[in-house]
N, C-alpha and C. Protein backbone atom coordinates (compact mmCIF):
# COMPACT_ATOMS: atom_id res chain seq x y z
N MET A 1 93.42 82.24 136.20
CA MET A 1 92.33 81.38 135.81
C MET A 1 92.81 79.94 135.88
N ALA A 2 91.94 79.13 136.55
CA ALA A 2 92.37 77.73 136.84
C ALA A 2 91.84 76.79 135.79
N SER A 3 92.47 75.73 135.53
CA SER A 3 92.01 74.65 134.62
C SER A 3 91.58 73.45 135.48
N THR A 4 90.46 72.89 135.16
CA THR A 4 89.97 71.74 135.86
C THR A 4 90.68 70.46 135.32
N ARG A 5 90.72 69.42 136.10
CA ARG A 5 91.30 68.19 135.57
C ARG A 5 90.50 67.67 134.41
N ALA A 6 89.15 67.87 134.37
CA ALA A 6 88.39 67.46 133.23
C ALA A 6 88.83 68.14 131.94
N ARG A 7 89.11 69.49 132.06
CA ARG A 7 89.54 70.22 130.87
C ARG A 7 90.87 69.72 130.41
N THR A 8 91.79 69.47 131.30
CA THR A 8 93.14 68.97 130.98
C THR A 8 93.00 67.63 130.26
N ILE A 9 92.14 66.76 130.83
CA ILE A 9 91.94 65.39 130.15
C ILE A 9 91.31 65.57 128.79
N THR A 10 90.36 66.47 128.62
CA THR A 10 89.74 66.60 127.33
C THR A 10 90.71 67.17 126.31
N LYS A 11 91.52 68.14 126.71
CA LYS A 11 92.61 68.66 125.81
C LYS A 11 93.55 67.51 125.37
N ALA A 12 93.93 66.68 126.35
CA ALA A 12 94.87 65.60 126.07
C ALA A 12 94.25 64.64 125.05
N VAL A 13 92.94 64.29 125.26
CA VAL A 13 92.28 63.26 124.40
C VAL A 13 92.13 63.83 122.97
N THR A 14 91.72 65.04 122.89
CA THR A 14 91.51 65.62 121.48
C THR A 14 92.82 65.80 120.80
N TRP A 15 93.88 66.18 121.51
CA TRP A 15 95.23 66.35 120.85
C TRP A 15 95.79 64.95 120.41
N GLU A 16 95.62 64.00 121.30
CA GLU A 16 96.11 62.66 120.99
C GLU A 16 95.41 62.02 119.80
N THR A 17 94.10 62.26 119.75
CA THR A 17 93.36 61.78 118.58
C THR A 17 93.87 62.30 117.28
N LEU A 18 94.10 63.60 117.26
CA LEU A 18 94.65 64.23 116.09
C LEU A 18 96.06 63.76 115.75
N SER A 19 96.94 63.86 116.74
CA SER A 19 98.35 63.56 116.48
C SER A 19 98.57 62.02 116.18
N ASN A 20 97.77 61.16 116.80
CA ASN A 20 97.97 59.79 116.54
C ASN A 20 97.37 59.32 115.23
N SER A 21 96.38 60.00 114.73
CA SER A 21 95.79 59.76 113.41
C SER A 21 96.86 60.09 112.38
N VAL A 22 97.60 61.16 112.60
CA VAL A 22 98.69 61.56 111.66
C VAL A 22 99.81 60.46 111.78
N CYS A 23 100.13 60.07 113.04
CA CYS A 23 101.24 59.13 113.12
C CYS A 23 100.82 57.72 112.51
N PHE A 24 99.57 57.37 112.70
CA PHE A 24 99.15 56.10 112.08
C PHE A 24 99.25 56.22 110.54
N LEU A 25 98.80 57.30 109.97
CA LEU A 25 98.85 57.51 108.55
C LEU A 25 100.32 57.39 108.03
N ILE A 26 101.19 58.03 108.74
CA ILE A 26 102.64 58.00 108.32
C ILE A 26 103.18 56.58 108.50
N ALA A 27 102.83 55.93 109.63
CA ALA A 27 103.34 54.53 109.85
C ALA A 27 102.81 53.59 108.76
N TYR A 28 101.53 53.84 108.36
CA TYR A 28 100.98 52.99 107.32
C TYR A 28 101.66 53.25 105.92
N LEU A 29 101.94 54.44 105.73
CA LEU A 29 102.59 54.75 104.47
C LEU A 29 103.99 54.17 104.39
N ILE A 30 104.61 54.05 105.52
CA ILE A 30 106.02 53.48 105.59
C ILE A 30 105.97 52.00 105.64
N PHE A 31 105.12 51.37 106.53
CA PHE A 31 105.17 49.94 106.74
C PHE A 31 104.06 49.18 106.00
N GLY A 32 102.89 49.78 105.74
CA GLY A 32 101.88 49.20 104.97
C GLY A 32 101.06 48.11 105.63
N LYS A 33 101.31 47.84 106.90
CA LYS A 33 100.55 46.80 107.57
C LYS A 33 99.63 47.44 108.63
N VAL A 34 98.37 47.44 108.42
CA VAL A 34 97.40 48.11 109.26
C VAL A 34 97.43 47.58 110.70
N GLY A 35 97.53 46.28 110.87
CA GLY A 35 97.54 45.70 112.26
C GLY A 35 98.72 46.16 113.07
N ASP A 36 99.93 46.10 112.45
CA ASP A 36 101.13 46.56 113.19
C ASP A 36 101.07 48.06 113.52
N CYS A 37 100.60 48.84 112.60
CA CYS A 37 100.48 50.27 112.77
C CYS A 37 99.49 50.61 113.87
N LEU A 38 98.41 49.84 113.83
CA LEU A 38 97.31 50.05 114.89
C LEU A 38 97.88 49.69 116.34
N ILE A 39 98.53 48.67 116.47
CA ILE A 39 99.10 48.29 117.77
C ILE A 39 100.14 49.28 118.27
N PHE A 40 100.99 49.67 117.36
CA PHE A 40 101.97 50.70 117.70
C PHE A 40 101.30 52.04 118.06
N THR A 41 100.33 52.44 117.31
CA THR A 41 99.65 53.71 117.59
C THR A 41 98.92 53.67 118.97
N VAL A 42 98.28 52.55 119.22
CA VAL A 42 97.52 52.46 120.52
C VAL A 42 98.53 52.51 121.71
N ILE A 43 99.61 51.82 121.66
CA ILE A 43 100.61 51.83 122.72
C ILE A 43 101.18 53.30 122.89
N CYS A 44 101.56 53.93 121.82
CA CYS A 44 101.98 55.26 121.84
C CYS A 44 100.97 56.22 122.43
N THR A 45 99.71 56.04 122.02
CA THR A 45 98.66 56.90 122.48
C THR A 45 98.52 56.81 124.04
N LEU A 46 98.53 55.66 124.53
CA LEU A 46 98.37 55.49 126.02
C LEU A 46 99.52 56.09 126.69
N LEU A 47 100.71 55.90 126.32
CA LEU A 47 101.87 56.39 126.97
C LEU A 47 101.87 57.91 126.89
N LYS A 48 101.65 58.43 125.73
CA LYS A 48 101.68 59.92 125.57
C LYS A 48 100.53 60.60 126.28
N LEU A 49 99.46 59.92 126.42
CA LEU A 49 98.27 60.52 127.08
C LEU A 49 98.60 60.71 128.56
N VAL A 50 99.17 59.68 129.21
CA VAL A 50 99.56 59.82 130.57
C VAL A 50 100.58 60.89 130.79
N LEU A 51 101.71 60.88 129.97
CA LEU A 51 102.77 61.88 130.00
C LEU A 51 102.26 63.27 129.81
N PHE A 52 101.32 63.46 128.89
CA PHE A 52 100.74 64.80 128.60
C PHE A 52 99.98 65.29 129.80
N TYR A 53 99.17 64.38 130.41
CA TYR A 53 98.33 64.83 131.55
C TYR A 53 99.24 65.35 132.64
N TYR A 54 100.30 64.58 133.02
CA TYR A 54 101.17 65.06 134.12
C TYR A 54 101.97 66.29 133.70
N HIS A 55 102.31 66.42 132.46
CA HIS A 55 103.00 67.59 131.92
C HIS A 55 102.14 68.80 132.12
N GLU A 56 100.92 68.74 131.73
CA GLU A 56 99.93 69.84 131.85
C GLU A 56 99.71 70.16 133.28
N ARG A 57 99.56 69.19 134.16
CA ARG A 57 99.34 69.47 135.60
C ARG A 57 100.47 70.19 136.20
N LEU A 58 101.73 69.73 135.89
CA LEU A 58 102.89 70.42 136.37
C LEU A 58 103.01 71.90 135.91
N TRP A 59 102.65 72.15 134.65
CA TRP A 59 102.65 73.47 134.12
C TRP A 59 101.52 74.30 134.77
N HIS A 60 100.41 73.71 135.11
CA HIS A 60 99.31 74.39 135.77
C HIS A 60 99.75 74.83 137.16
N LYS A 61 100.48 74.07 137.88
CA LYS A 61 101.03 74.41 139.20
C LYS A 61 102.05 75.50 139.12
N SER A 62 102.71 75.66 138.01
CA SER A 62 103.77 76.67 137.91
C SER A 62 103.06 78.03 137.75
N THR A 63 103.79 79.04 138.44
CA THR A 63 103.27 80.42 138.26
C THR A 63 104.02 81.14 137.31
N TRP A 64 105.05 80.58 136.70
CA TRP A 64 105.84 81.22 135.69
C TRP A 64 105.00 81.62 134.44
N GLY A 65 105.02 82.91 134.12
CA GLY A 65 104.32 83.43 132.95
C GLY A 65 102.86 83.69 133.25
N LYS A 66 102.40 83.52 134.38
CA LYS A 66 100.96 83.77 134.66
C LYS A 66 100.76 85.10 135.42
N THR A 67 99.65 85.70 135.17
CA THR A 67 99.27 86.91 135.89
C THR A 67 97.79 87.05 135.78
N ASP A 68 97.20 87.54 136.88
CA ASP A 68 95.78 87.82 136.93
C ASP A 68 95.53 89.34 136.64
N ASN A 69 96.61 90.05 136.56
CA ASN A 69 96.46 91.49 136.39
C ASN A 69 96.61 91.88 134.89
N TRP A 70 95.56 91.91 134.10
CA TRP A 70 95.71 92.13 132.68
C TRP A 70 96.08 93.60 132.42
N CYS A 71 95.87 94.48 133.29
CA CYS A 71 96.37 95.84 133.09
C CYS A 71 97.89 95.82 133.13
N ALA A 72 98.53 95.08 133.96
CA ALA A 72 99.91 94.97 134.02
C ALA A 72 100.49 94.41 132.77
N GLN A 73 99.81 93.50 132.21
CA GLN A 73 100.26 92.86 130.93
C GLN A 73 100.22 93.85 129.82
N ILE A 74 99.22 94.69 129.74
CA ILE A 74 99.03 95.70 128.77
C ILE A 74 100.16 96.75 128.87
N GLU A 75 100.36 97.20 130.18
CA GLU A 75 101.41 98.16 130.48
C GLU A 75 102.82 97.64 130.09
N ALA A 76 103.10 96.42 130.36
CA ALA A 76 104.34 95.86 130.10
C ALA A 76 104.54 95.77 128.60
N TYR A 77 103.54 95.39 127.84
CA TYR A 77 103.56 95.31 126.38
C TYR A 77 103.79 96.64 125.75
N ALA A 78 103.09 97.62 126.32
CA ALA A 78 103.19 99.04 125.79
C ALA A 78 104.57 99.64 126.01
N LYS A 79 105.25 99.17 127.08
CA LYS A 79 106.60 99.67 127.40
C LYS A 79 107.66 99.16 126.44
N GLN A 80 107.39 98.13 125.67
CA GLN A 80 108.39 97.59 124.81
C GLN A 80 108.65 98.58 123.70
N PRO A 81 109.88 98.88 123.41
CA PRO A 81 110.23 99.98 122.58
C PRO A 81 109.78 99.79 121.09
N ASP A 82 109.67 98.58 120.64
CA ASP A 82 109.32 98.30 119.23
C ASP A 82 107.85 97.91 119.17
N LYS A 83 106.99 98.10 120.12
CA LYS A 83 105.64 97.71 120.06
C LYS A 83 104.71 98.95 120.21
N GLU A 84 103.66 98.87 119.46
CA GLU A 84 102.59 99.86 119.63
C GLU A 84 101.36 99.22 120.22
N LEU A 85 100.74 99.92 121.17
CA LEU A 85 99.60 99.37 121.83
C LEU A 85 98.47 99.17 120.89
N PHE A 86 98.17 100.20 119.96
CA PHE A 86 97.06 100.07 119.04
C PHE A 86 97.55 100.34 117.69
């Protein structure tokens, strides 16, 4: 199953919104200056957004751990000695 670039960008934006809100809160609790925390958070957000996008695209191109054959996945799981299928 393929991921579109729009999906990758949407994932990146939603994750960065959540993670940077947490980072801003922590920075505010430590430093107490809203302006400084906001500037730092915006810079980090832009850098991490770009890095995350390329990280996701590289993983999307990788075939490691991917399979279109769900039957093979079930069979491989069932063959594990400590696993029960149902």
